[in-house]
Amino acid sequence: MALVFKKTSGNGTIALYLGKRDFVDNVDSVEIVEGVVKVDPSGLNDRKVYVYLACAFRYGSDDLDVIGLSFRRDIWLHRVQVYPPTGGSEAKSPMMESLLKKVGEQGHAFSFQMPPNLPCSVSLQPGPNDSGKACGVDFEIKAYIANTPDNPDEVIEKKDTCRLMIRKIQFAPANNKAGAKADISKQFMMSDKPVHLEASLEKEVYYHGDPITVKVKINNETNKTVKKIKISVDQLTSVVLYSSDTYVKEVCAQEFGETVNANSTFEKSFQVTPLLANNKEKRGLAVDGRLKDEDTSLASTTLSQGEKEMQGIIISYKVKVTLTVSSGGLLGGFTGSDVVVELPVTLMSPKPAGQISQLTPRMVEAASQGKSSLMQRTQNTKELVISKEKHKMLKFPLYIFDSIINDYENSITEGHKSV
């Protein structure tokens, strides 16, 4: 193990060690999170040492002080006691053995198994004037000293804690099939016959930064002219809290000047390339989670089995082909219109060498349709009792935050009606 990540508490009593910070979600299972906590018993004062792994949805800054509430909601949290040790010893992986050897006799191992229905690490791109941590889904491992594992009345000082952020990531599957195909026929006023549009993708999975090839076939049986062809790529971000709300942002658009005259056909392949570099100013755009200030990319498509409820932020993409049809005559543009067809596409990063994954039809369907189910209402509803007048203090895009509040208020109203 060439690299070890370490974080020490302010008082030096505990230190957190990890062998890596990226953990791969293979859709049906997630890599086990393993680490070691070094404990100096002399600084505990009869207290215990705990470690938790939390997946949280952050929709505001940690340092905001609005009626004492946190703009962070835990989607999943699991906690273990590492000192004094409890239970018997478990089989240790080579990474765990290496960490324990490095830490020495004061090292105490821990491990977490994340469920497969958690979202991946995703951040919402902040605006130019925003500062602090970005909103989105993040994963945190925290070691702390306390008398009890989870006592809301116990004050845990910052010097008694240490934490490291990790990422849950997905890579593109090894097998890549032919892409989606769709067609549509549309009739227009003053014309007996339609315009037929067929569009297809060369493959179903594309890597970030690679051009997307779109094959377009047009059969124009009308007396009108197709004046313009536009191909765009939209990012669909589903925020699943009390309900599922989807926000669409265009990440790539290109217009082509090819024309298709009346009673003629046309066939050609076009290429468009969605890049984060061309969308740096779009506030609220979803990007892949990052641990520090390293480069990132547009958020990867979320793959799932389509069976278990997914929570947090779910990403999908679609390619949209638009024909602008118009005609002359006395009515001019009034008899023209657009012909639109949409195709699901998967955008991801390639798997590193040596890792293999299979993309099942069910996973493809779930990813392409952007499926997401409603999340169970949380018992801890106080986190969203927030004055709307404070919205200017939030880094979370206002239109998303207002939707979250409205969903919450509706859930409370429905709850009162059912009592």
Protein backbone atom coordinates (compact mmCIF):
# COMPACT_ATOMS: atom_id res chain seq x y z
CA MET A 1 0.00 0.00 0.00
CA ALA A 2 1.81 3.06 -1.30
CA LEU A 3 -0.46 5.78 0.10
CA VAL A 4 -2.13 6.20 3.49
CA PHE A 5 -4.64 8.93 4.37
CA LYS A 6 -4.45 10.15 7.95
CA LYS A 7 -6.35 12.66 10.08
CA THR A 8 -5.53 13.36 13.73
CA SER A 9 -7.83 14.91 16.34
CA GLY A 10 -6.99 18.29 17.79
CA ASN A 11 -5.91 16.82 21.12
CA GLY A 12 -3.86 14.06 19.48
CA THR A 13 -5.71 11.28 21.31
CA ILE A 14 -7.15 9.60 18.21
CA ALA A 15 -6.08 9.39 14.58
CA LEU A 16 -8.02 8.05 11.58
CA TYR A 17 -6.24 6.00 8.88
CA LEU A 18 -7.58 4.95 5.46
CA GLY A 19 -5.84 3.09 2.66
CA LYS A 20 -7.99 4.74 -0.04
CA ARG A 21 -10.79 7.26 -0.37
CA ASP A 22 -12.57 6.10 -3.53
CA PHE A 23 -14.94 3.14 -3.20
CA VAL A 24 -16.51 1.57 -6.27
CA ASP A 25 -20.22 0.86 -6.54
CA ASN A 26 -20.69 -2.19 -8.79
CA VAL A 27 -24.49 -1.66 -8.77
CA ASP A 28 -25.26 -4.92 -6.96
CA SER A 29 -22.61 -4.36 -4.26
CA VAL A 30 -20.22 -1.69 -3.00
CA GLU A 31 -16.59 -2.08 -1.93
CA ILE A 32 -16.16 -2.47 1.83
CA VAL A 33 -14.89 0.64 3.58
CA GLU A 34 -11.98 -0.33 5.83
CA GLY A 35 -9.85 1.73 8.18
CA VAL A 36 -8.00 1.92 11.45
CA VAL A 37 -8.25 4.27 14.43
CA LYS A 38 -5.17 4.85 16.55
CA VAL A 39 -6.19 5.43 20.17
CA ASP A 40 -4.13 6.80 23.05
CA PRO A 41 -6.08 5.57 26.13
CA SER A 42 -4.42 8.11 28.41
CA GLY A 43 -6.44 10.94 26.87
CA LEU A 44 -9.88 9.31 27.01
CA ASN A 45 -10.81 10.02 30.65
CA ASP A 46 -12.97 6.87 30.84
CA ARG A 47 -14.74 7.74 27.59
CA LYS A 48 -15.11 5.55 24.48
CA VAL A 49 -14.13 5.91 20.85
CA TYR A 50 -16.70 5.57 18.08
CA VAL A 51 -16.56 5.72 14.28
CA TYR A 52 -19.41 6.35 11.89
CA LEU A 53 -19.84 6.43 8.13
CA ALA A 54 -22.54 8.81 6.91
CA CYS A 55 -24.04 9.50 3.50
CA ALA A 56 -25.54 12.98 3.67
CA PHE A 57 -27.42 15.37 1.42
CA ARG A 58 -26.11 18.90 1.91
CA TYR A 59 -28.37 21.75 0.81
CA GLY A 60 -26.72 24.63 2.68
CA SER A 61 -23.52 25.68 4.41
CA ASP A 62 -22.40 24.07 7.67
CA ASP A 63 -21.79 27.42 9.33
CA LEU A 64 -25.26 28.84 8.76
CA ASP A 65 -27.08 29.60 12.00
CA VAL A 66 -30.76 29.79 11.11
CA ILE A 67 -32.92 29.00 14.15
CA GLY A 68 -30.32 26.44 15.17
CA LEU A 69 -30.95 24.02 12.30
CA SER A 70 -28.53 22.20 10.03
CA PHE A 71 -28.81 22.29 6.25
CA ARG A 72 -27.60 18.72 6.05
CA ARG A 73 -29.72 15.59 6.06
CA ASP A 74 -28.32 12.13 6.71
CA ILE A 75 -29.56 9.64 4.13
CA TRP A 76 -27.76 6.71 5.75
CA LEU A 77 -25.53 6.39 8.82
CA HIS A 78 -23.86 3.45 10.52
CA ARG A 79 -21.87 3.65 13.76
CA VAL A 80 -19.47 1.26 15.53
CA GLN A 81 -17.49 1.32 18.76
CA VAL A 82 -13.77 0.76 18.23
CA TYR A 83 -12.46 1.31 21.78
CA PRO A 84 -12.77 -0.45 24.11
CA PRO A 85 -13.07 -3.29 21.56
CA THR A 86 -16.35 -5.20 21.44
CA GLY A 87 -16.94 -8.71 20.15
CA GLY A 88 -14.45 -11.10 18.59
CA SER A 89 -11.89 -10.45 15.91
CA GLU A 90 -12.92 -10.75 12.27
CA ALA A 91 -10.93 -11.85 9.25
CA LYS A 92 -8.79 -8.97 8.02
CA SER A 93 -8.08 -8.03 4.43
CA PRO A 94 -4.52 -7.34 3.20
CA MET A 95 -5.24 -3.59 3.31
CA MET A 96 -6.41 -3.82 6.91
CA GLU A 97 -3.35 -5.84 7.89
CA SER A 98 -1.11 -3.25 6.26
CA LEU A 99 -2.81 -0.38 8.09
CA LEU A 100 -2.62 -2.17 11.46
CA LYS A 101 1.05 -2.89 10.88
CA LYS A 102 1.71 0.78 10.13
CA VAL A 103 -0.26 2.09 13.13
CA GLY A 104 1.07 -0.38 15.67
CA GLU A 105 -0.39 -1.78 18.88
CA GLN A 106 -2.70 1.17 19.44
CA GLY A 107 -4.54 0.53 16.15
CA HIS A 108 -8.15 -0.65 16.16
CA ALA A 109 -9.77 -1.78 12.89
CA PHE A 110 -13.26 -0.97 11.64
CA SER A 111 -15.22 -1.66 8.46
CA PHE A 112 -18.51 -0.58 6.90
CA GLN A 113 -20.64 -2.15 4.18
CA MET A 114 -22.66 0.46 2.32
CA PRO A 115 -26.00 -0.64 0.84
CA PRO A 116 -26.21 -0.52 -2.98
CA ASN A 117 -29.20 1.84 -3.04
CA LEU A 118 -27.20 4.88 -1.89
CA PRO A 119 -26.44 7.60 -4.44
CA CYS A 120 -22.93 8.28 -5.67
CA SER A 121 -20.90 11.32 -4.65
CA VAL A 122 -22.34 14.29 -6.53
CA SER A 123 -21.89 18.04 -6.12
CA LEU A 124 -24.06 20.86 -7.40
CA GLN A 125 -21.91 23.46 -9.09
CA PRO A 126 -21.90 26.68 -7.02
CA GLY A 127 -22.40 30.14 -8.41
CA PRO A 128 -19.55 32.64 -8.93
CA ASN A 129 -20.15 34.30 -5.55
CA ASP A 130 -20.70 31.13 -3.52
CA SER A 131 -18.10 29.92 -1.04
CA GLY A 132 -17.57 26.95 1.25
CA LYS A 133 -18.56 23.37 0.63
CA ALA A 134 -20.68 22.67 -2.42
CA CYS A 135 -24.19 21.32 -2.02
CA GLY A 136 -24.82 17.74 -2.98
CA VAL A 137 -24.30 14.18 -1.72
CA ASP A 138 -21.14 13.38 0.22
CA PHE A 139 -19.75 10.55 2.36
CA GLU A 140 -17.90 11.16 5.63
CA ILE A 141 -16.03 8.93 8.06
CA LYS A 142 -15.77 10.46 11.51
CA ALA A 143 -14.02 9.16 14.64
CA TYR A 144 -14.88 10.80 17.96
CA ILE A 145 -14.56 10.44 21.72
CA ALA A 146 -17.77 10.33 23.75
CA ASN A 147 -19.45 8.69 26.71
CA THR A 148 -22.31 7.31 24.60
CA PRO A 149 -22.55 6.70 20.85
CA ASP A 150 -25.45 9.05 20.08
CA ASN A 151 -26.59 11.26 22.93
CA PRO A 152 -28.04 14.56 21.67
CA ASP A 153 -27.42 16.17 25.07
CA GLU A 154 -23.71 15.30 25.12
CA VAL A 155 -21.46 18.03 23.73
CA ILE A 156 -18.58 16.60 21.69
CA GLU A 157 -15.79 19.11 21.31
CA LYS A 158 -14.09 19.52 17.96
CA LYS A 159 -10.71 18.61 19.45
CA ASP A 160 -12.15 15.16 20.25
CA THR A 161 -12.99 14.40 16.62
CA CYS A 162 -11.28 13.66 13.32
CA ARG A 163 -12.87 13.07 9.94
CA LEU A 164 -12.08 12.14 6.35
CA MET A 165 -14.30 12.52 3.31
CA ILE A 166 -14.57 9.58 0.91
CA ARG A 167 -16.27 9.06 -2.44
CA LYS A 168 -18.68 6.43 -3.72
CA ILE A 169 -18.19 6.18 -7.48
CA GLN A 170 -19.40 4.17 -10.46
CA PHE A 171 -17.52 3.38 -13.65
CA ALA A 172 -18.77 2.61 -17.12
CA PRO A 173 -19.45 -1.09 -17.72
CA ALA A 174 -17.12 -3.10 -19.94
CA ASN A 175 -19.80 -4.28 -22.38
CA ASN A 176 -21.22 -1.61 -24.67
CA LYS A 177 -24.20 -2.26 -26.93
CA ALA A 178 -25.80 -0.35 -29.76
CA GLY A 179 -27.35 2.91 -28.66
CA ALA A 180 -30.98 3.91 -28.45
CA LYS A 181 -33.13 4.55 -31.54
CA ALA A 182 -36.32 6.57 -31.81
CA ASP A 183 -38.50 7.91 -34.59
CA ILE A 184 -41.47 10.18 -35.00
CA SER A 185 -43.80 11.28 -37.80
CA LYS A 186 -45.45 14.67 -37.66
CA GLN A 187 -48.04 16.23 -39.95
CA PHE A 188 -48.43 19.93 -40.52
CA MET A 189 -51.20 22.30 -41.45
CA MET A 190 -51.78 22.61 -45.17
CA SER A 191 -49.91 19.36 -45.86
CA ASP A 192 -51.35 15.88 -46.41
CA LYS A 193 -48.15 13.97 -45.68
CA PRO A 194 -45.76 14.04 -42.70
CA VAL A 195 -42.12 14.65 -41.93
CA HIS A 196 -40.55 11.45 -40.65
CA LEU A 197 -37.54 11.78 -38.33
CA GLU A 198 -35.42 8.86 -37.12
CA ALA A 199 -32.43 9.29 -34.79
CA SER A 200 -30.08 6.72 -33.28
CA LEU A 201 -26.91 6.63 -31.20
CA GLU A 202 -23.82 4.69 -32.18
CA LYS A 203 -23.55 3.11 -28.71
CA GLU A 204 -25.35 3.32 -25.38
CA VAL A 205 -22.42 4.37 -23.13
CA TYR A 206 -20.07 7.28 -23.79
CA TYR A 207 -17.08 8.40 -21.74
CA HIS A 208 -16.82 11.95 -20.44
CA GLY A 209 -15.11 14.11 -23.07
CA ASP A 210 -15.81 11.78 -26.00
CA PRO A 211 -18.01 13.00 -28.88
CA ILE A 212 -21.50 11.52 -29.07
CA THR A 213 -22.35 10.33 -32.57
CA VAL A 214 -26.00 10.84 -33.57
CA LYS A 215 -27.28 9.40 -36.84
CA VAL A 216 -30.20 11.36 -38.29
CA LYS A 217 -32.55 10.20 -41.06
CA ILE A 218 -35.21 12.52 -42.45
CA ASN A 219 -37.96 11.72 -44.95
CA ASN A 220 -39.68 14.99 -45.80
CA GLU A 221 -42.88 14.14 -47.69
CA THR A 222 -44.42 17.55 -47.15
CA ASN A 223 -44.31 20.72 -49.21
CA LYS A 224 -42.29 22.40 -46.46
CA THR A 225 -38.56 22.83 -45.88
CA VAL A 226 -36.50 21.62 -42.93
CA LYS A 227 -34.43 24.74 -42.32
CA LYS A 228 -32.26 23.67 -39.41
CA ILE A 229 -31.16 20.66 -37.35
CA LYS A 230 -30.31 21.14 -33.68
CA ILE A 231 -28.77 18.46 -31.47
CA SER A 232 -28.55 19.03 -27.73
CA VAL A 233 -27.70 17.04 -24.59
CA ASP A 234 -29.71 17.60 -21.40
CA GLN A 235 -28.72 16.64 -17.86
CA LEU A 236 -31.64 15.47 -15.71
CA THR A 237 -31.03 15.81 -11.97
CA SER A 238 -33.62 14.09 -9.76
CA VAL A 239 -33.56 15.29 -6.16
CA VAL A 240 -35.30 12.63 -4.07
CA LEU A 241 -36.16 13.78 -0.54
CA TYR A 242 -39.85 13.93 0.39
CA SER A 243 -40.77 13.54 -3.26
CA SER A 244 -38.91 13.25 -6.54
CA ASP A 245 -38.29 16.53 -8.39
CA THR A 246 -36.36 16.56 -11.66
CA TYR A 247 -34.44 19.57 -12.97
CA VAL A 248 -33.21 19.76 -16.56
CA LYS A 249 -30.14 21.68 -17.68
CA GLU A 250 -28.80 21.82 -21.22
CA VAL A 251 -25.09 20.92 -21.17
CA CYS A 252 -24.43 20.91 -24.90
CA ALA A 253 -26.22 22.30 -27.96
CA GLN A 254 -25.17 22.67 -31.57
CA GLU A 255 -27.08 23.82 -34.64
CA PHE A 256 -26.34 22.51 -38.11
CA GLY A 257 -27.22 24.40 -41.27
CA GLU A 258 -28.27 21.43 -43.38
CA THR A 259 -31.62 21.91 -45.11
CA VAL A 260 -34.03 19.27 -46.38
CA ASN A 261 -36.24 20.45 -49.21
CA ALA A 262 -39.81 19.38 -49.78
CA ASN A 263 -40.35 15.80 -50.96
CA SER A 264 -36.76 14.75 -50.34
CA THR A 265 -34.72 12.60 -47.95
CA PHE A 266 -31.64 13.23 -45.86
CA GLU A 267 -29.25 11.05 -43.88
CA LYS A 268 -26.14 12.10 -41.96
CA SER A 269 -24.22 11.48 -38.71
CA PHE A 270 -23.48 14.40 -36.40
CA GLN A 271 -21.23 14.68 -33.35
CA VAL A 272 -21.69 16.72 -30.17
CA THR A 273 -19.45 16.75 -27.10
CA PRO A 274 -20.84 17.75 -23.68
CA LEU A 275 -18.05 19.21 -21.53
CA LEU A 276 -17.99 20.72 -18.07
CA ALA A 277 -15.51 23.32 -19.36
CA ASN A 278 -18.32 24.84 -21.45
CA ASN A 279 -20.73 24.96 -18.49
CA LYS A 280 -18.65 26.52 -15.71
CA GLU A 281 -21.13 29.34 -15.09
CA LYS A 282 -24.24 27.19 -14.72
CA ARG A 283 -25.23 27.24 -11.06
CA GLY A 284 -26.82 24.01 -9.83
CA LEU A 285 -25.31 21.82 -12.56
CA ALA A 286 -24.48 18.35 -11.19
CA VAL A 287 -20.80 17.34 -11.31
CA ASP A 288 -18.95 14.28 -10.02
CA GLY A 289 -18.02 14.62 -6.36
CA ARG A 290 -14.45 15.59 -5.53
CA LEU A 291 -12.43 15.41 -2.34
CA LYS A 292 -10.45 18.63 -2.74
CA ASP A 293 -10.04 21.10 -5.61
CA GLU A 294 -9.03 18.57 -8.23
CA ASP A 295 -10.54 18.58 -11.71
CA THR A 296 -13.87 16.88 -12.15
CA SER A 297 -16.42 16.27 -14.90
CA LEU A 298 -20.14 16.37 -15.48
CA ALA A 299 -21.90 14.04 -13.06
CA SER A 300 -21.97 10.46 -14.26
CA THR A 301 -25.20 8.67 -15.04
CA THR A 302 -26.55 6.86 -11.98
CA LEU A 303 -26.81 3.12 -12.59
CA SER A 304 -29.15 1.03 -10.46
CA GLN A 305 -30.85 -2.34 -10.51
CA GLY A 306 -34.21 -0.64 -10.74
CA GLU A 307 -35.56 -2.62 -7.78
CA LYS A 308 -34.44 -0.80 -4.65
CA GLU A 309 -35.44 2.73 -3.76
CA MET A 310 -32.70 5.23 -4.61
CA GLN A 311 -32.35 8.36 -2.50
CA GLY A 312 -30.47 11.64 -2.76
CA ILE A 313 -29.42 12.89 -6.21
CA ILE A 314 -29.92 10.72 -9.30
CA ILE A 315 -28.42 11.67 -12.67
CA SER A 316 -29.46 10.78 -16.21
CA TYR A 317 -28.93 12.26 -19.69
CA LYS A 318 -30.84 12.51 -22.94
CA VAL A 319 -29.93 13.56 -26.48
CA LYS A 320 -32.53 15.69 -28.21
CA VAL A 321 -32.77 16.11 -32.00
CA THR A 322 -34.89 19.05 -33.17
CA LEU A 323 -35.89 19.86 -36.74
CA THR A 324 -37.08 23.39 -37.49
CA VAL A 325 -39.67 23.14 -40.25
CA SER A 326 -41.13 26.17 -42.00
CA SER A 327 -42.70 27.09 -45.31
CA GLY A 328 -43.42 30.12 -47.40
CA GLY A 329 -46.73 31.16 -48.79
CA LEU A 330 -49.32 33.50 -47.35
CA LEU A 331 -49.23 31.99 -43.86
CA GLY A 332 -45.43 31.92 -43.69
CA GLY A 333 -44.07 30.64 -40.42
CA PHE A 334 -47.53 30.04 -38.96
CA THR A 335 -47.69 26.67 -40.70
CA GLY A 336 -44.21 25.64 -39.51
CA SER A 337 -43.22 23.86 -36.35
CA ASP A 338 -40.54 21.74 -34.68
CA VAL A 339 -40.12 17.97 -34.90
CA VAL A 340 -38.42 16.60 -31.79
CA VAL A 341 -37.15 13.16 -30.80
CA GLU A 342 -35.29 12.23 -27.60
CA LEU A 343 -32.79 9.44 -26.91
CA PRO A 344 -31.47 8.27 -23.52
CA VAL A 345 -27.68 8.18 -23.25
CA THR A 346 -25.29 7.05 -20.51
CA LEU A 347 -22.33 9.31 -19.66
CA MET A 348 -19.64 7.84 -17.39
CA SER A 349 -15.91 7.53 -16.75
CA PRO A 350 -14.09 4.40 -17.97
CA LYS A 351 -13.16 1.68 -15.53
CA PRO A 352 -9.50 1.46 -14.56
CA ALA A 353 -7.66 -1.52 -15.98
CA GLY A 354 -8.32 -4.78 -14.18
CA GLN A 355 -11.89 -3.98 -13.08
CA ILE A 356 -14.81 -5.60 -14.91
CA SER A 357 -18.49 -4.80 -14.76
CA GLN A 358 -21.55 -6.05 -16.57
CA LEU A 359 -24.43 -3.80 -17.59
CA THR A 360 -27.70 -5.70 -17.38
CA PRO A 361 -30.81 -4.70 -19.37
CA ARG A 362 -32.55 -3.77 -16.14
CA MET A 363 -29.72 -1.41 -15.20
CA VAL A 364 -29.82 0.19 -18.66
CA GLU A 365 -33.57 0.72 -18.44
CA ALA A 366 -33.32 2.26 -14.98
CA ALA A 367 -30.50 4.57 -16.01
CA SER A 368 -31.99 5.65 -19.32
CA GLN A 369 -35.42 6.41 -17.90
CA GLY A 370 -33.96 8.13 -14.84
CA LYS A 371 -36.14 6.06 -12.53
CA SER A 372 -36.51 7.20 -8.95
CA SER A 373 -39.14 6.40 -6.35
CA LEU A 374 -40.45 8.43 -3.50
CA MET A 375 -38.38 8.45 -0.35
CA GLN A 376 -39.96 7.56 2.98
CA ARG A 377 -40.71 10.59 5.09
CA THR A 378 -38.15 11.16 7.78
CA GLN A 379 -39.13 11.18 11.43
CA ASN A 380 -36.79 14.07 12.08
CA THR A 381 -38.83 16.71 10.25
CA LYS A 382 -37.46 19.69 12.17
CA GLU A 383 -34.53 20.12 9.76
CA LEU A 384 -36.78 21.60 7.08
CA VAL A 385 -38.73 24.02 9.31
CA ILE A 386 -36.83 26.94 7.84
CA SER A 387 -37.91 30.48 7.13
CA LYS A 388 -38.06 31.16 3.40
CA GLU A 389 -36.80 34.67 4.11
CA LYS A 390 -33.41 33.05 4.80
CA HIS A 391 -33.11 31.65 1.26
CA LYS A 392 -30.49 34.20 0.25
CA MET A 393 -28.10 32.65 2.76
CA LEU A 394 -28.33 29.26 1.07
CA LYS A 395 -25.87 28.03 -1.50
CA PHE A 396 -28.40 25.49 -2.73
CA PRO A 397 -30.14 26.68 -5.93
CA LEU A 398 -33.25 28.54 -4.82
CA TYR A 399 -35.66 26.81 -7.19
CA ILE A 400 -34.63 23.42 -5.77
CA PHE A 401 -34.78 24.62 -2.17
CA ASP A 402 -38.28 26.07 -2.61
CA SER A 403 -39.43 22.75 -4.05
CA ILE A 404 -38.01 20.87 -1.05
CA ILE A 405 -39.82 23.21 1.35
CA ASN A 406 -43.10 22.87 -0.56
CA ASP A 407 -42.82 19.08 -0.58
CA TYR A 408 -42.20 19.14 3.14
CA GLU A 409 -45.17 21.43 3.84
CA ASN A 410 -47.43 19.23 1.72
CA SER A 411 -46.29 16.13 3.60
CA ILE A 412 -47.12 17.80 6.93
CA THR A 413 -50.56 18.87 5.65
CA GLU A 414 -51.31 15.34 4.41
CA GLY A 415 -50.14 13.93 7.73
CA HIS A 416 -52.52 16.18 9.67
CA LYS A 417 -55.41 15.18 7.44
CA SER A 418 -54.80 11.50 8.07
CA VAL A 419 -54.78 11.84 11.85
